[in-house]
Protein backbone atom coordinates (compact mmCIF):
# COMPACT_ATOMS: atom_id res chain seq x y z
CA MET A 1 325.77 85.33 1.64
CA ARG A 2 322.61 87.17 2.58
CA PRO A 3 322.46 90.98 2.59
CA ARG A 4 322.73 92.68 5.98
CA LEU A 5 319.80 94.75 7.06
CA HIS A 6 319.84 97.13 10.01
CA LEU A 7 316.41 97.55 11.57
CA GLU A 8 315.25 100.73 13.24
CA THR A 9 312.91 101.03 16.21
CA THR A 10 309.68 101.32 14.22
CA ILE A 11 310.00 97.76 12.93
CA LYS A 12 310.22 96.33 16.43
CA SER A 13 307.41 98.52 17.72
CA TYR A 14 305.06 97.63 14.84
CA LEU A 15 305.63 93.93 15.50
CA VAL A 16 304.67 94.06 19.17
CA ALA A 17 302.03 96.81 19.23
CA ARG A 18 298.31 96.25 19.41
CA PRO A 19 296.68 96.90 16.04
CA SER A 20 296.03 100.60 15.61
CA ARG A 21 292.60 102.08 14.96
CA ASP A 22 294.26 104.55 12.57
CA LEU A 23 293.88 102.95 9.14
CA ILE A 24 297.23 104.16 7.80
CA LEU A 25 299.13 103.03 10.89
CA ALA A 26 297.25 99.72 10.93
CA GLY A 27 298.25 99.19 7.29
CA GLN A 28 301.88 99.91 8.12
CA GLN A 29 301.74 97.48 11.04
CA GLU A 30 300.23 94.77 8.83
CA ALA A 31 302.78 95.34 6.04
CA THR A 32 305.57 95.09 8.62
CA ARG A 33 304.17 91.83 10.01
CA GLU A 34 303.83 90.38 6.52
CA TRP A 35 307.42 91.36 5.67
CA TRP A 36 308.61 89.84 8.96
CA ASP A 37 306.81 86.57 8.30
CA GLU A 38 307.70 86.26 4.62
CA LYS A 39 310.97 88.10 3.92
CA ARG A 40 313.13 88.45 7.04
CA GLN A 41 314.80 85.09 6.47
CA ASN A 42 316.35 86.57 3.31
CA TYR A 43 318.53 88.93 5.39
CA ASP A 44 321.00 88.94 8.25
CA LEU A 45 319.19 91.30 10.64
CA PHE A 46 320.86 93.68 13.06
CA VAL A 47 319.82 96.47 15.42
CA SER A 48 322.06 99.05 17.00
CA GLU A 49 322.43 99.46 20.74
CA PHE A 50 320.55 102.76 20.34
CA VAL A 51 317.55 100.94 18.90
CA GLU A 52 317.63 98.52 21.83
CA ILE A 53 317.75 101.42 24.30
CA GLU A 54 314.97 103.31 22.55
CA ALA A 55 312.76 100.21 22.29
CA GLY A 56 313.44 99.42 25.94
CA CYS A 57 311.99 102.77 26.99
CA GLY A 58 308.54 101.71 25.81
CA ASP A 59 305.73 103.94 24.63
CA ALA A 60 305.21 107.16 26.59
CA MET A 61 301.46 106.94 25.91
CA GLU A 62 301.34 103.49 27.53
CA ARG A 63 303.33 104.61 30.59
CA GLY A 64 300.99 107.51 31.30
């Protein structure tokens, strides 16, 4: 049985966002993508309905 892992909104947002120009944020995005590609299959992944709602609101900076 694989461990359960509850994801928060940042994981989803880092996976779909354009690469940041901020070096620290870009590094976090890349580390998240690497984890997603290489490690996620080791876990049963879940998100709460609150994460879905928050992620569904989008980025205020993108909306204007």
